[in-house]
Amino acid sequence: MTDSPSESLQSRVEAVLDRIRPAVQEDGGDFELLEISEEGVVMIRFLGACIGCPSSEMTLREGIARNLRSMVPEVTNVIAAE
């Protein structure tokens, strides 16, 4: 049995998130992958110190989204769940 393309996409997204996670955890925060839409939109949820932190939007845009889009071309956007 072979991996479906969506499983392959999810594993590649998770690999990138795992590379970013330690820097976020250094500041007492974390995040989790909630879903990846068919259109390539990745939804994450911030956890810990990231909740309500004014820097979380910059972390999302400049850290997580930029890295995901450059390393996983199928990713079209990254959003944070409310």
C-alpha atoms as a PDB file:
ATOM      1  CA  MET A   1       0.000   0.000   0.000  1.00  0.00           C
ATOM      2  CA  THR A   2       1.380   3.402  -0.940  1.00  0.00           C
ATOM      3  CA  ASP A   3       0.895   6.733   0.784  1.00  0.00           C
ATOM      4  CA  SER A   4      -1.803   8.909  -0.671  1.00  0.00           C
ATOM      5  CA  PRO A   5      -0.707  12.378  -1.819  1.00  0.00           C
ATOM      6  CA  SER A   6      -2.495  13.982   1.164  1.00  0.00           C
ATOM      7  CA  GLU A   7      -0.551  11.814   3.641  1.00  0.00           C
ATOM      8  CA  SER A   8       2.657  12.736   1.915  1.00  0.00           C
ATOM      9  CA  LEU A   9       1.711  16.417   2.087  1.00  0.00           C
ATOM     10  CA  GLN A  10       0.816  16.139   5.770  1.00  0.00           C
ATOM     11  CA  SER A  11       4.082  14.417   6.617  1.00  0.00           C
ATOM     12  CA  ARG A  12       6.073  17.087   4.784  1.00  0.00           C
ATOM     13  CA  VAL A  13       4.154  19.892   6.529  1.00  0.00           C
ATOM     14  CA  GLU A  14       4.700  18.230   9.911  1.00  0.00           C
ATOM     15  CA  ALA A  15       8.423  17.879   9.201  1.00  0.00           C
ATOM     16  CA  VAL A  16       8.709  21.641   8.572  1.00  0.00           C
ATOM     17  CA  LEU A  17       6.645  22.437  11.676  1.00  0.00           C
ATOM     18  CA  ASP A  18       8.895  20.167  13.747  1.00  0.00           C
ATOM     19  CA  ARG A  19      11.905  22.235  12.620  1.00  0.00           C
ATOM     20  CA  ILE A  20      10.212  25.496  13.699  1.00  0.00           C
ATOM     21  CA  ARG A  21       8.672  24.224  16.954  1.00  0.00           C
ATOM     22  CA  PRO A  22      11.810  24.371  19.196  1.00  0.00           C
ATOM     23  CA  ALA A  23      12.210  28.132  18.630  1.00  0.00           C
ATOM     24  CA  VAL A  24       8.577  28.716  19.585  1.00  0.00           C
ATOM     25  CA  GLN A  25       8.892  26.447  22.617  1.00  0.00           C
ATOM     26  CA  GLU A  26      11.905  28.441  23.851  1.00  0.00           C
ATOM     27  CA  ASP A  27       9.499  31.298  24.510  1.00  0.00           C
ATOM     28  CA  GLY A  28       6.998  29.072  26.328  1.00  0.00           C
ATOM     29  CA  GLY A  29       4.657  28.602  23.381  1.00  0.00           C
ATOM     30  CA  ASP A  30       3.741  25.854  21.004  1.00  0.00           C
ATOM     31  CA  PHE A  31       1.372  25.106  18.151  1.00  0.00           C
ATOM     32  CA  GLU A  32      -0.431  22.161  16.635  1.00  0.00           C
ATOM     33  CA  LEU A  33      -1.429  21.283  13.104  1.00  0.00           C
ATOM     34  CA  LEU A  34      -5.222  21.138  12.850  1.00  0.00           C
ATOM     35  CA  GLU A  35      -5.818  20.523   9.170  1.00  0.00           C
ATOM     36  CA  ILE A  36      -4.647  20.987   5.613  1.00  0.00           C
ATOM     37  CA  SER A  37      -7.402  21.834   3.136  1.00  0.00           C
ATOM     38  CA  GLU A  38      -7.540  20.540  -0.418  1.00  0.00           C
ATOM     39  CA  GLU A  39      -6.631  24.088  -1.505  1.00  0.00           C
ATOM     40  CA  GLY A  40      -3.375  23.921   0.461  1.00  0.00           C
ATOM     41  CA  VAL A  41      -4.446  26.062   3.417  1.00  0.00           C
ATOM     42  CA  VAL A  42      -2.750  24.931   6.629  1.00  0.00           C
ATOM     43  CA  MET A  43      -4.604  25.639   9.871  1.00  0.00           C
ATOM     44  CA  ILE A  44      -2.693  25.660  13.135  1.00  0.00           C
ATOM     45  CA  ARG A  45      -3.642  26.408  16.724  1.00  0.00           C
ATOM     46  CA  PHE A  46      -1.294  28.304  18.993  1.00  0.00           C
ATOM     47  CA  LEU A  47      -0.773  26.889  22.485  1.00  0.00           C
ATOM     48  CA  GLY A  48       0.833  28.009  25.731  1.00  0.00           C
ATOM     49  CA  ALA A  49       2.416  31.447  25.819  1.00  0.00           C
ATOM     50  CA  CYS A  50       1.508  32.012  22.156  1.00  0.00           C
ATOM     51  CA  ILE A  51      -2.161  32.414  23.066  1.00  0.00           C
ATOM     52  CA  GLY A  52      -2.846  36.144  23.092  1.00  0.00           C
ATOM     53  CA  CYS A  53       0.793  37.042  22.484  1.00  0.00           C
ATOM     54  CA  PRO A  54       1.150  40.053  20.165  1.00  0.00           C
ATOM     55  CA  SER A  55       4.128  38.388  18.468  1.00  0.00           C
ATOM     56  CA  SER A  56       2.164  35.283  17.484  1.00  0.00           C
ATOM     57  CA  GLU A  57       0.909  36.946  14.275  1.00  0.00           C
ATOM     58  CA  MET A  58       4.499  37.709  13.258  1.00  0.00           C
ATOM     59  CA  THR A  59       5.539  34.153  14.179  1.00  0.00           C
ATOM     60  CA  LEU A  60       2.740  32.834  12.000  1.00  0.00           C
ATOM     61  CA  ARG A  61       3.494  35.081   9.026  1.00  0.00           C
ATOM     62  CA  GLU A  62       7.290  35.342   9.095  1.00  0.00           C
ATOM     63  CA  GLY A  63       8.227  32.009  10.639  1.00  0.00           C
ATOM     64  CA  ILE A  64       5.655  29.337  10.032  1.00  0.00           C
ATOM     65  CA  ALA A  65       3.939  30.506   6.819  1.00  0.00           C
ATOM     66  CA  ARG A  66       7.118  31.631   5.055  1.00  0.00           C
ATOM     67  CA  ASN A  67       8.923  28.363   5.810  1.00  0.00           C
ATOM     68  CA  LEU A  68       5.984  26.179   4.854  1.00  0.00           C
ATOM     69  CA  ARG A  69       5.393  27.966   1.549  1.00  0.00           C
ATOM     70  CA  SER A  70       9.065  27.804   0.600  1.00  0.00           C
ATOM     71  CA  MET A  71       9.592  24.155   1.606  1.00  0.00           C
ATOM     72  CA  VAL A  72       6.182  22.700   0.683  1.00  0.00           C
ATOM     73  CA  PRO A  73       5.018  24.287  -2.604  1.00  0.00           C
ATOM     74  CA  GLU A  74       1.475  22.927  -2.236  1.00  0.00           C
ATOM     75  CA  VAL A  75       0.903  25.169   0.803  1.00  0.00           C
ATOM     76  CA  THR A  76      -0.979  28.267  -0.357  1.00  0.00           C
ATOM     77  CA  ASN A  77      -1.719  29.889   2.998  1.00  0.00           C
ATOM     78  CA  VAL A  78      -1.318  29.378   6.733  1.00  0.00           C
ATOM     79  CA  ILE A  79      -3.953  30.521   9.203  1.00  0.00           C
ATOM     80  CA  ALA A  80      -4.351  30.303  12.955  1.00  0.00           C
ATOM     81  CA  ALA A  81      -7.555  28.977  14.485  1.00  0.00           C
ATOM     82  CA  GLU A  82      -9.296  31.382  16.806  1.00  0.00           C
END
